[in-house]
């Protein structure tokens, strides 16, 4: 049976990744000139262990970590491609397709 709860937790943690990484990218590009974004990003990012702890009530540590990593890869990559206009090679696109397949397979319960 397919379980959406682990995906929801992993998506929320990936959303935090995407937001904080975007802030840091903007800081690196000079769009944010004040260094306040660095401690703010650290503060927001520090909530993830608590979210991860709660997610362990629904799925194993191994699966939750893989789901979080892969969903984060997709969200951060999408922001990089569409917002920051970064480029992706065919080989890296193939890797993302395999990551998507892995997310689907890891979301099924035996």
PDB file of N, CA and C in Angstrom:
ATOM      1  N   UNK A   1       0.834  -1.180   0.000  1.00  0.00           N
ATOM      2  CA  UNK A   1       0.000   0.000   0.000  1.00  0.00           C
ATOM      3  C   UNK A   1       0.883   1.250   0.000  1.00  0.00           C
ATOM      4  N   UNK A   2       0.471   2.232  -0.743  1.00  0.00           N
ATOM      5  CA  UNK A   2       1.217   3.489  -0.886  1.00  0.00           C
ATOM      6  C   UNK A   2       0.909   4.381   0.313  1.00  0.00           C
ATOM      7  N   UNK A   3       1.949   4.937   0.926  1.00  0.00           N
ATOM      8  CA  UNK A   3       1.771   5.789   2.104  1.00  0.00           C
ATOM      9  C   UNK A   3       2.218   7.214   1.792  1.00  0.00           C
ATOM     10  N   UNK A   4       1.298   8.160   1.973  1.00  0.00           N
ATOM     11  CA  UNK A   4       1.604   9.563   1.706  1.00  0.00           C
ATOM     12  C   UNK A   4       2.227  10.274   2.899  1.00  0.00           C
ATOM     13  N   UNK A   5       2.086   9.734   4.097  1.00  0.00           N
ATOM     14  CA  UNK A   5       2.585  10.421   5.289  1.00  0.00           C
ATOM     15  C   UNK A   5       4.108  10.597   5.249  1.00  0.00           C
ATOM     16  N   UNK A   6       4.897   9.549   4.967  1.00  0.00           N
ATOM     17  CA  UNK A   6       6.348   9.768   4.869  1.00  0.00           C
ATOM     18  C   UNK A   6       6.720  10.769   3.777  1.00  0.00           C
ATOM     19  N   UNK A   7       5.989  10.739   2.668  1.00  0.00           N
ATOM     20  CA  UNK A   7       6.270  11.686   1.592  1.00  0.00           C
ATOM     21  C   UNK A   7       5.956  13.108   2.049  1.00  0.00           C
ATOM     22  N   UNK A   8       4.907  13.274   2.837  1.00  0.00           N
ATOM     23  CA  UNK A   8       4.572  14.608   3.342  1.00  0.00           C
ATOM     24  C   UNK A   8       5.682  15.135   4.259  1.00  0.00           C
ATOM     25  N   UNK A   9       6.164  14.302   5.167  1.00  0.00           N
ATOM     26  CA  UNK A   9       7.267  14.716   6.045  1.00  0.00           C
ATOM     27  C   UNK A   9       8.519  15.032   5.226  1.00  0.00           C
ATOM     28  N   UNK A  10       8.864  14.143   4.289  1.00  0.00           N
ATOM     29  CA  UNK A  10      10.052  14.357   3.464  1.00  0.00           C
ATOM     30  C   UNK A  10       9.906  15.624   2.615  1.00  0.00           C
ATOM     31  N   UNK A  11       8.704  15.870   2.120  1.00  0.00           N
ATOM     32  CA  UNK A  11       8.452  17.075   1.314  1.00  0.00           C
ATOM     33  C   UNK A  11       8.608  18.337   2.143  1.00  0.00           C
ATOM     34  N   UNK A  12       8.137  18.293   3.375  1.00  0.00           N
ATOM     35  CA  UNK A  12       8.264  19.462   4.246  1.00  0.00           C
ATOM     36  C   UNK A  12       9.738  19.751   4.542  1.00  0.00           C
ATOM     37  N   UNK A  13      10.499  18.691   4.820  1.00  0.00           N
ATOM     38  CA  UNK A  13      11.927  18.883   5.070  1.00  0.00           C
ATOM     39  C   UNK A  13      12.639  19.362   3.800  1.00  0.00           C
ATOM     40  N   UNK A  14      12.230  18.852   2.641  1.00  0.00           N
ATOM     41  CA  UNK A  14      12.817  19.288   1.377  1.00  0.00           C
ATOM     42  C   UNK A  14      12.452  20.741   1.088  1.00  0.00           C
ATOM     43  N   UNK A  15      11.241  21.158   1.486  1.00  0.00           N
ATOM     44  CA  UNK A  15      10.827  22.558   1.326  1.00  0.00           C
ATOM     45  C   UNK A  15      11.760  23.465   2.124  1.00  0.00           C
ATOM     46  N   UNK A  16      12.091  23.044   3.339  1.00  0.00           N
ATOM     47  CA  UNK A  16      13.035  23.825   4.153  1.00  0.00           C
ATOM     48  C   UNK A  16      14.387  23.904   3.448  1.00  0.00           C
ATOM     49  N   UNK A  17      14.854  22.774   2.919  1.00  0.00           N
ATOM     50  CA  UNK A  17      16.115  22.768   2.161  1.00  0.00           C
ATOM     51  C   UNK A  17      16.053  23.789   1.023  1.00  0.00           C
ATOM     52  N   UNK A  18      14.986  23.730   0.247  1.00  0.00           N
ATOM     53  CA  UNK A  18      14.857  24.584  -0.931  1.00  0.00           C
ATOM     54  C   UNK A  18      14.851  26.063  -0.558  1.00  0.00           C
ATOM     55  N   UNK A  19      14.142  26.411   0.507  1.00  0.00           N
ATOM     56  CA  UNK A  19      14.077  27.806   0.933  1.00  0.00           C
ATOM     57  C   UNK A  19      15.453  28.292   1.407  1.00  0.00           C
ATOM     58  N   UNK A  20      16.056  27.531   2.306  1.00  0.00           N
ATOM     59  CA  UNK A  20      17.349  27.956   2.862  1.00  0.00           C
ATOM     60  C   UNK A  20      18.426  27.987   1.774  1.00  0.00           C
ATOM     61  N   UNK A  21      18.452  26.978   0.916  1.00  0.00           N
ATOM     62  CA  UNK A  21      19.463  26.960  -0.152  1.00  0.00           C
ATOM     63  C   UNK A  21      19.254  28.121  -1.113  1.00  0.00           C
ATOM     64  N   UNK A  22      18.009  28.482  -1.381  1.00  0.00           N
ATOM     65  CA  UNK A  22      17.723  29.633  -2.251  1.00  0.00           C
ATOM     66  C   UNK A  22      18.207  30.931  -1.612  1.00  0.00           C
ATOM     67  N   UNK A  23      17.983  31.076  -0.312  1.00  0.00           N
ATOM     68  CA  UNK A  23      18.481  32.261   0.390  1.00  0.00           C
ATOM     69  C   UNK A  23      19.998  32.360   0.262  1.00  0.00           C
ATOM     70  N   UNK A  24      20.665  31.231   0.478  1.00  0.00           N
ATOM     71  CA  UNK A  24      22.121  31.238   0.412  1.00  0.00           C
ATOM     72  C   UNK A  24      22.632  31.510  -1.004  1.00  0.00           C
ATOM     73  N   UNK A  25      21.943  30.994  -2.006  1.00  0.00           N
ATOM     74  CA  UNK A  25      22.316  31.258  -3.399  1.00  0.00           C
ATOM     75  C   UNK A  25      22.166  32.750  -3.695  1.00  0.00           C
ATOM     76  N   UNK A  26      21.053  33.341  -3.238  1.00  0.00           N
ATOM     77  CA  UNK A  26      20.844  34.778  -3.451  1.00  0.00           C
ATOM     78  C   UNK A  26      21.917  35.593  -2.718  1.00  0.00           C
ATOM     79  N   UNK A  27      22.291  35.157  -1.540  1.00  0.00           N
ATOM     80  CA  UNK A  27      23.366  35.841  -0.807  1.00  0.00           C
ATOM     81  C   UNK A  27      24.674  35.744  -1.590  1.00  0.00           C
ATOM     82  N   UNK A  28      24.968  34.553  -2.119  1.00  0.00           N
ATOM     83  CA  UNK A  28      26.182  34.332  -2.893  1.00  0.00           C
ATOM     84  C   UNK A  28      26.212  35.185  -4.161  1.00  0.00           C
ATOM     85  N   UNK A  29      25.050  35.400  -4.765  1.00  0.00           N
ATOM     86  CA  UNK A  29      24.954  36.201  -5.984  1.00  0.00           C
ATOM     87  C   UNK A  29      24.936  37.706  -5.698  1.00  0.00           C
ATOM     88  N   UNK A  30      24.866  38.074  -4.424  1.00  0.00           N
ATOM     89  CA  UNK A  30      24.839  39.481  -4.068  1.00  0.00           C
ATOM     90  C   UNK A  30      23.455  40.094  -4.021  1.00  0.00           C
ATOM     91  N   UNK A  31      22.408  39.273  -4.182  1.00  0.00           N
ATOM     92  CA  UNK A  31      21.036  39.789  -4.114  1.00  0.00           C
ATOM     93  C   UNK A  31      20.644  40.137  -2.682  1.00  0.00           C
ATOM     94  N   UNK A  32      21.188  39.418  -1.731  1.00  0.00           N
ATOM     95  CA  UNK A  32      21.046  39.757  -0.313  1.00  0.00           C
ATOM     96  C   UNK A  32      22.395  40.297   0.137  1.00  0.00           C
ATOM     97  N   UNK A  33      22.432  41.546   0.545  1.00  0.00           N
ATOM     98  CA  UNK A  33      23.714  42.149   0.907  1.00  0.00           C
ATOM     99  C   UNK A  33      24.006  42.080   2.395  1.00  0.00           C
ATOM    100  N   UNK A  34      23.010  41.792   3.191  1.00  0.00           N
ATOM    101  CA  UNK A  34      23.213  41.699   4.628  1.00  0.00           C
ATOM    102  C   UNK A  34      23.449  40.241   5.025  1.00  0.00           C
ATOM    103  N   UNK A  35      24.342  40.036   5.950  1.00  0.00           N
ATOM    104  CA  UNK A  35      24.673  38.672   6.385  1.00  0.00           C
ATOM    105  C   UNK A  35      23.625  38.088   7.323  1.00  0.00           C
ATOM    106  N   UNK A  36      22.526  38.793   7.580  1.00  0.00           N
ATOM    107  CA  UNK A  36      21.470  38.277   8.463  1.00  0.00           C
ATOM    108  C   UNK A  36      20.870  36.986   7.932  1.00  0.00           C
ATOM    109  N   UNK A  37      20.971  36.764   6.627  1.00  0.00           N
ATOM    110  CA  UNK A  37      20.355  35.587   6.018  1.00  0.00           C
ATOM    111  C   UNK A  37      21.032  34.301   6.479  1.00  0.00           C
ATOM    112  N   UNK A  38      22.308  34.370   6.834  1.00  0.00           N
ATOM    113  CA  UNK A  38      23.035  33.165   7.251  1.00  0.00           C
ATOM    114  C   UNK A  38      22.517  32.642   8.597  1.00  0.00           C
ATOM    115  N   UNK A  39      22.443  33.462   9.661  1.00  0.00           N
ATOM    116  CA  UNK A  39      21.878  32.930  10.902  1.00  0.00           C
ATOM    117  C   UNK A  39      20.398  32.585  10.785  1.00  0.00           C
ATOM    118  N   UNK A  40      19.652  33.333   9.952  1.00  0.00           N
ATOM    119  CA  UNK A  40      18.240  32.989   9.762  1.00  0.00           C
ATOM    120  C   UNK A  40      18.113  31.616   9.106  1.00  0.00           C
ATOM    121  N   UNK A  41      18.939  31.360   8.099  1.00  0.00           N
ATOM    122  CA  UNK A  41      18.926  30.051   7.450  1.00  0.00           C
ATOM    123  C   UNK A  41      19.297  28.938   8.413  1.00  0.00           C
ATOM    124  N   UNK A  42      20.268  29.197   9.266  1.00  0.00           N
ATOM    125  CA  UNK A  42      20.660  28.195  10.269  1.00  0.00           C
ATOM    126  C   UNK A  42      19.522  27.928  11.244  1.00  0.00           C
ATOM    127  N   UNK A  43      18.811  28.973  11.644  1.00  0.00           N
ATOM    128  CA  UNK A  43      17.689  28.816  12.571  1.00  0.00           C
ATOM    129  C   UNK A  43      16.565  27.992  11.939  1.00  0.00           C
ATOM    130  N   UNK A  44      16.207  28.324  10.709  1.00  0.00           N
ATOM    131  CA  UNK A  44      15.148  27.578  10.017  1.00  0.00           C
ATOM    132  C   UNK A  44      15.583  26.130   9.801  1.00  0.00           C
ATOM    133  N   UNK A  45      16.817  25.943   9.369  1.00  0.00           N
ATOM    134  CA  UNK A  45      17.323  24.604   9.083  1.00  0.00           C
ATOM    135  C   UNK A  45      17.396  23.742  10.350  1.00  0.00           C
ATOM    136  N   UNK A  46      17.544  24.365  11.501  1.00  0.00           N
ATOM    137  CA  UNK A  46      17.661  23.607  12.752  1.00  0.00           C
ATOM    138  C   UNK A  46      16.350  22.933  13.153  1.00  0.00           C
ATOM    139  N   UNK A  47      15.248  23.247  12.510  1.00  0.00           N
ATOM    140  CA  UNK A  47      13.967  22.585  12.810  1.00  0.00           C
ATOM    141  C   UNK A  47      13.900  21.186  12.204  1.00  0.00           C
ATOM    142  N   UNK A  48      14.733  20.893  11.235  1.00  0.00           N
ATOM    143  CA  UNK A  48      14.638  19.612  10.539  1.00  0.00           C
ATOM    144  C   UNK A  48      14.825  18.379  11.423  1.00  0.00           C
ATOM    145  N   UNK A  49      15.743  18.371  12.386  1.00  0.00           N
ATOM    146  CA  UNK A  49      15.839  17.168  13.219  1.00  0.00           C
ATOM    147  C   UNK A  49      14.541  16.850  13.967  1.00  0.00           C
ATOM    148  N   UNK A  50      13.809  17.866  14.386  1.00  0.00           N
ATOM    149  CA  UNK A  50      12.536  17.620  15.073  1.00  0.00           C
ATOM    150  C   UNK A  50      11.496  17.044  14.119  1.00  0.00           C
ATOM    151  N   UNK A  51      11.470  17.550  12.912  1.00  0.00           N
ATOM    152  CA  UNK A  51      10.541  17.015  11.904  1.00  0.00           C
ATOM    153  C   UNK A  51      10.928  15.579  11.566  1.00  0.00           C
ATOM    154  N   UNK A  52      12.222  15.341  11.410  1.00  0.00           N
ATOM    155  CA  UNK A  52      12.700  13.992  11.104  1.00  0.00           C
ATOM    156  C   UNK A  52      12.338  13.028  12.235  1.00  0.00           C
ATOM    157  N   UNK A  53      12.503  13.467  13.473  1.00  0.00           N
ATOM    158  CA  UNK A  53      12.164  12.631  14.623  1.00  0.00           C
ATOM    159  C   UNK A  53      10.687  12.228  14.584  1.00  0.00           C
ATOM    160  N   UNK A  54       9.821  13.169  14.289  1.00  0.00           N
ATOM    161  CA  UNK A  54       8.383  12.866  14.211  1.00  0.00           C
ATOM    162  C   UNK A  54       8.085  11.917  13.054  1.00  0.00           C
ATOM    163  N   UNK A  55       8.816  12.052  11.953  1.00  0.00           N
ATOM    164  CA  UNK A  55       8.579  11.197  10.791  1.00  0.00           C
ATOM    165  C   UNK A  55       8.908   9.731  11.077  1.00  0.00           C
ATOM    166  N   UNK A  56       9.786   9.497  12.046  1.00  0.00           N
ATOM    167  CA  UNK A  56      10.177   8.127  12.369  1.00  0.00           C
ATOM    168  C   UNK A  56       9.041   7.315  12.977  1.00  0.00           C
ATOM    169  N   UNK A  57       7.953   7.969  13.359  1.00  0.00           N
ATOM    170  CA  UNK A  57       6.763   7.252  13.820  1.00  0.00           C
ATOM    171  C   UNK A  57       6.045   6.557  12.664  1.00  0.00           C
ATOM    172  N   UNK A  58       6.356   6.958  11.431  1.00  0.00           N
ATOM    173  CA  UNK A  58       5.638   6.451  10.267  1.00  0.00           C
ATOM    174  C   UNK A  58       6.490   5.629   9.316  1.00  0.00           C
ATOM    175  N   UNK A  59       7.822   5.786   9.395  1.00  0.00           N
ATOM    176  CA  UNK A  59       8.705   5.076   8.476  1.00  0.00           C
ATOM    177  C   UNK A  59      10.074   4.925   9.120  1.00  0.00           C
ATOM    178  N   UNK A  60      10.861   4.004   8.589  1.00  0.00           N
ATOM    179  CA  UNK A  60      12.201   3.772   9.141  1.00  0.00           C
ATOM    180  C   UNK A  60      13.135   4.943   8.822  1.00  0.00           C
ATOM    181  N   UNK A  61      14.205   5.027   9.587  1.00  0.00           N
ATOM    182  CA  UNK A  61      15.190   6.079   9.399  1.00  0.00           C
ATOM    183  C   UNK A  61      15.787   6.015   7.987  1.00  0.00           C
ATOM    184  N   UNK A  62      16.094   4.836   7.526  1.00  0.00           N
ATOM    185  CA  UNK A  62      16.706   4.661   6.214  1.00  0.00           C
ATOM    186  C   UNK A  62      15.805   5.193   5.108  1.00  0.00           C
ATOM    187  N   UNK A  63      14.564   4.782   5.112  1.00  0.00           N
ATOM    188  CA  UNK A  63      13.637   5.197   4.063  1.00  0.00           C
ATOM    189  C   UNK A  63      13.346   6.689   4.156  1.00  0.00           C
ATOM    190  N   UNK A  64      13.156   7.210   5.362  1.00  0.00           N
ATOM    191  CA  UNK A  64      12.879   8.640   5.515  1.00  0.00           C
ATOM    192  C   UNK A  64      14.047   9.474   4.994  1.00  0.00           C
ATOM    193  N   UNK A  65      15.251   9.063   5.302  1.00  0.00           N
ATOM    194  CA  UNK A  65      16.413   9.818   4.841  1.00  0.00           C
ATOM    195  C   UNK A  65      16.512   9.809   3.318  1.00  0.00           C
ATOM    196  N   UNK A  66      16.274   8.657   2.715  1.00  0.00           N
ATOM    197  CA  UNK A  66      16.342   8.565   1.258  1.00  0.00           C
ATOM    198  C   UNK A  66      15.231   9.410   0.616  1.00  0.00           C
ATOM    199  N   UNK A  67      14.008   9.314   1.149  1.00  0.00           N
ATOM    200  CA  UNK A  67      12.915  10.118   0.605  1.00  0.00           C
ATOM    201  C   UNK A  67      13.215  11.610   0.715  1.00  0.00           C
ATOM    202  N   UNK A  68      13.671  12.026   1.862  1.00  0.00           N
ATOM    203  CA  UNK A  68      13.997  13.440   2.085  1.00  0.00           C
ATOM    204  C   UNK A  68      15.084  13.892   1.110  1.00  0.00           C
ATOM    205  N   UNK A  69      16.148  13.099   0.992  1.00  0.00           N
ATOM    206  CA  UNK A  69      17.243  13.462   0.090  1.00  0.00           C
ATOM    207  C   UNK A  69      16.763  13.597  -1.354  1.00  0.00           C
ATOM    208  N   UNK A  70      15.981  12.640  -1.797  1.00  0.00           N
ATOM    209  CA  UNK A  70      15.563  12.647  -3.197  1.00  0.00           C
ATOM    210  C   UNK A  70      14.551  13.752  -3.498  1.00  0.00           C
ATOM    211  N   UNK A  71      13.599  13.950  -2.607  1.00  0.00           N
ATOM    212  CA  UNK A  71      12.627  15.025  -2.822  1.00  0.00           C
ATOM    213  C   UNK A  71      13.324  16.377  -2.742  1.00  0.00           C
ATOM    214  N   UNK A  72      14.286  16.490  -1.842  1.00  0.00           N
ATOM    215  CA  UNK A  72      15.079  17.717  -1.765  1.00  0.00           C
ATOM    216  C   UNK A  72      15.851  17.933  -3.057  1.00  0.00           C
ATOM    217  N   UNK A  73      16.426  16.861  -3.600  1.00  0.00           N
ATOM    218  CA  UNK A  73      17.149  16.974  -4.871  1.00  0.00           C
ATOM    219  C   UNK A  73      16.238  17.529  -5.968  1.00  0.00           C
ATOM    220  N   UNK A  74      15.006  17.020  -6.037  1.00  0.00           N
ATOM    221  CA  UNK A  74      14.064  17.494  -7.049  1.00  0.00           C
ATOM    222  C   UNK A  74      13.696  18.962  -6.839  1.00  0.00           C
ATOM    223  N   UNK A  75      13.360  19.319  -5.617  1.00  0.00           N
ATOM    224  CA  UNK A  75      12.904  20.688  -5.374  1.00  0.00           C
ATOM    225  C   UNK A  75      14.029  21.700  -5.560  1.00  0.00           C
ATOM    226  N   UNK A  76      15.202  21.395  -5.037  1.00  0.00           N
ATOM    227  CA  UNK A  76      16.333  22.314  -5.192  1.00  0.00           C
ATOM    228  C   UNK A  76      16.746  22.399  -6.665  1.00  0.00           C
ATOM    229  N   UNK A  77      16.713  21.276  -7.360  1.00  0.00           N
ATOM    230  CA  UNK A  77      17.038  21.283  -8.790  1.00  0.00           C
ATOM    231  C   UNK A  77      16.029  22.113  -9.572  1.00  0.00           C
ATOM    232  N   UNK A  78      14.743  21.967  -9.263  1.00  0.00           N
ATOM    233  CA  UNK A  78      13.712  22.757  -9.957  1.00  0.00           C
ATOM    234  C   UNK A  78      13.932  24.253  -9.745  1.00  0.00           C
ATOM    235  N   UNK A  79      14.252  24.641  -8.524  1.00  0.00           N
ATOM    236  CA  UNK A  79      14.522  26.053  -8.251  1.00  0.00           C
ATOM    237  C   UNK A  79      15.776  26.509  -9.005  1.00  0.00           C
ATOM    238  N   UNK A  80      16.794  25.679  -9.006  1.00  0.00           N
ATOM    239  CA  UNK A  80      18.015  26.018  -9.738  1.00  0.00           C
ATOM    240  C   UNK A  80      17.756  26.187 -11.226  1.00  0.00           C
ATOM    241  N   UNK A  81      16.947  25.300 -11.793  1.00  0.00           N
ATOM    242  CA  UNK A  81      16.677  25.353 -13.223  1.00  0.00           C
ATOM    243  C   UNK A  81      15.768  26.517 -13.608  1.00  0.00           C
ATOM    244  N   UNK A  82      14.658  26.665 -12.889  1.00  0.00           N
ATOM    245  CA  UNK A  82      13.638  27.616 -13.316  1.00  0.00           C
ATOM    246  C   UNK A  82      13.796  29.015 -12.735  1.00  0.00           C
ATOM    247  N   UNK A  83      14.327  29.119 -11.535  1.00  0.00           N
ATOM    248  CA  UNK A  83      14.471  30.439 -10.921  1.00  0.00           C
ATOM    249  C   UNK A  83      15.850  31.039 -11.180  1.00  0.00           C
ATOM    250  N   UNK A  84      16.876  30.215 -10.976  1.00  0.00           N
ATOM    251  CA  UNK A  84      18.241  30.711 -11.137  1.00  0.00           C
ATOM    252  C   UNK A  84      18.814  30.451 -12.538  1.00  0.00           C
ATOM    253  N   UNK A  85      18.044  29.792 -13.412  1.00  0.00           N
ATOM    254  CA  UNK A  85      18.440  29.538 -14.802  1.00  0.00           C
ATOM    255  C   UNK A  85      19.728  28.728 -14.929  1.00  0.00           C
ATOM    256  N   UNK A  86      19.911  27.773 -14.022  1.00  0.00           N
ATOM    257  CA  UNK A  86      21.061  26.889 -14.115  1.00  0.00           C
ATOM    258  C   UNK A  86      20.791  25.823 -15.181  1.00  0.00           C
ATOM    259  N   UNK A  87      21.818  25.162 -15.644  1.00  0.00           N
ATOM    260  CA  UNK A  87      21.697  24.153 -16.712  1.00  0.00           C
ATOM    261  C   UNK A  87      21.850  22.748 -16.139  1.00  0.00           C
ATOM    262  N   UNK A  88      21.244  21.772 -16.819  1.00  0.00           N
ATOM    263  CA  UNK A  88      21.297  20.375 -16.412  1.00  0.00           C
ATOM    264  C   UNK A  88      21.655  19.536 -17.631  1.00  0.00           C
ATOM    265  N   UNK A  89      22.660  18.678 -17.499  1.00  0.00           N
ATOM    266  CA  UNK A  89      23.057  17.816 -18.615  1.00  0.00           C
ATOM    267  C   UNK A  89      22.084  16.645 -18.738  1.00  0.00           C
ATOM    268  N   UNK A  90      22.142  15.947 -19.861  1.00  0.00           N
ATOM    269  CA  UNK A  90      21.271  14.781 -20.074  1.00  0.00           C
ATOM    270  C   UNK A  90      21.556  13.681 -19.052  1.00  0.00           C
ATOM    271  N   UNK A  91      22.823  13.501 -18.718  1.00  0.00           N
ATOM    272  CA  UNK A  91      23.190  12.476 -17.745  1.00  0.00           C
ATOM    273  C   UNK A  91      22.579  12.792 -16.376  1.00  0.00           C
ATOM    274  N   UNK A  92      22.650  14.049 -15.970  1.00  0.00           N
ATOM    275  CA  UNK A  92      22.073  14.446 -14.686  1.00  0.00           C
ATOM    276  C   UNK A  92      20.548  14.364 -14.717  1.00  0.00           C
ATOM    277  N   UNK A  93      19.952  14.662 -15.850  1.00  0.00           N
ATOM    278  CA  UNK A  93      18.499  14.510 -15.995  1.00  0.00           C
ATOM    279  C   UNK A  93      18.106  13.042 -15.865  1.00  0.00           C
ATOM    280  N   UNK A  94      18.903  12.147 -16.444  1.00  0.00           N
ATOM    281  CA  UNK A  94      18.662  10.708 -16.304  1.00  0.00           C
ATOM    282  C   UNK A  94      18.725  10.295 -14.832  1.00  0.00           C
ATOM    283  N   UNK A  95      19.682  10.843 -14.097  1.00  0.00           N
ATOM    284  CA  UNK A  95      19.775  10.565 -12.662  1.00  0.00           C
ATOM    285  C   UNK A  95      18.534  11.018 -11.916  1.00  0.00           C
ATOM    286  N   UNK A  96      17.968  12.169 -12.288  1.00  0.00           N
ATOM    287  CA  UNK A  96      16.738  12.643 -11.645  1.00  0.00           C
ATOM    288  C   UNK A  96      15.561  11.721 -11.940  1.00  0.00           C
ATOM    289  N   UNK A  97      15.500  11.190 -13.153  1.00  0.00           N
ATOM    290  CA  UNK A  97      14.430  10.242 -13.497  1.00  0.00           C
ATOM    291  C   UNK A  97      14.538   8.996 -12.623  1.00  0.00           C
ATOM    292  N   UNK A  98      15.737   8.488 -12.458  1.00  0.00           N
ATOM    293  CA  UNK A  98      15.932   7.319 -11.597  1.00  0.00           C
ATOM    294  C   UNK A  98      15.592   7.648 -10.141  1.00  0.00           C
ATOM    295  N   UNK A  99      15.907   8.858  -9.702  1.00  0.00           N
ATOM    296  CA  UNK A  99      15.560   9.268  -8.339  1.00  0.00           C
ATOM    297  C   UNK A  99      14.043   9.293  -8.154  1.00  0.00           C
ATOM    298  N   UNK A 100      13.322   9.768  -9.162  1.00  0.00           N
ATOM    299  CA  UNK A 100      11.859   9.777  -9.081  1.00  0.00           C
ATOM    300  C   UNK A 100      11.312   8.360  -8.969  1.00  0.00           C
ATOM    301  N   UNK A 101      11.850   7.464  -9.771  1.00  0.00           N
ATOM    302  CA  UNK A 101      11.429   6.056  -9.701  1.00  0.00           C
ATOM    303  C   UNK A 101      11.708   5.500  -8.308  1.00  0.00           C
ATOM    304  N   UNK A 102      12.859   5.845  -7.738  1.00  0.00           N
ATOM    305  CA  UNK A 102      13.208   5.380  -6.388  1.00  0.00           C
ATOM    306  C   UNK A 102      12.219   5.901  -5.354  1.00  0.00           C
ATOM    307  N   UNK A 103      11.798   7.158  -5.466  1.00  0.00           N
ATOM    308  CA  UNK A 103      10.826   7.719  -4.518  1.00  0.00           C
ATOM    309  C   UNK A 103       9.534   6.917  -4.561  1.00  0.00           C
ATOM    310  N   UNK A 104       9.063   6.615  -5.752  1.00  0.00           N
ATOM    311  CA  UNK A 104       7.829   5.847  -5.888  1.00  0.00           C
ATOM    312  C   UNK A 104       7.990   4.458  -5.270  1.00  0.00           C
ATOM    313  N   UNK A 105       9.079   3.777  -5.579  1.00  0.00           N
ATOM    314  CA  UNK A 105       9.296   2.436  -5.051  1.00  0.00           C
ATOM    315  C   UNK A 105       9.448   2.425  -3.534  1.00  0.00           C
ATOM    316  N   UNK A 106      10.129   3.424  -2.984  1.00  0.00           N
ATOM    317  CA  UNK A 106      10.353   3.479  -1.540  1.00  0.00           C
ATOM    318  C   UNK A 106       9.102   3.888  -0.765  1.00  0.00           C
ATOM    319  N   UNK A 107       8.108   4.392  -1.451  1.00  0.00           N
ATOM    320  CA  UNK A 107       6.888   4.827  -0.778  1.00  0.00           C
ATOM    321  C   UNK A 107       5.870   3.712  -0.612  1.00  0.00           C
ATOM    322  N   UNK A 108       6.139   2.563  -1.187  1.00  0.00           N
ATOM    323  CA  UNK A 108       5.232   1.414  -1.038  1.00  0.00           C
ATOM    324  C   UNK A 108       5.591   0.625   0.210  1.00  0.00           C
ATOM    325  N   UNK A 109       4.567   0.195   0.906  1.00  0.00           N
ATOM    326  CA  UNK A 109       4.772  -0.675   2.071  1.00  0.00           C
ATOM    327  C   UNK A 109       4.525  -2.107   1.653  1.00  0.00           C
ATOM    328  N   UNK A 110       5.330  -2.999   2.197  1.00  0.00           N
ATOM    329  CA  UNK A 110       5.185  -4.420   1.850  1.00  0.00           C
ATOM    330  C   UNK A 110       4.106  -5.059   2.661  1.00  0.00           C
TER     331      UNK A 110
END
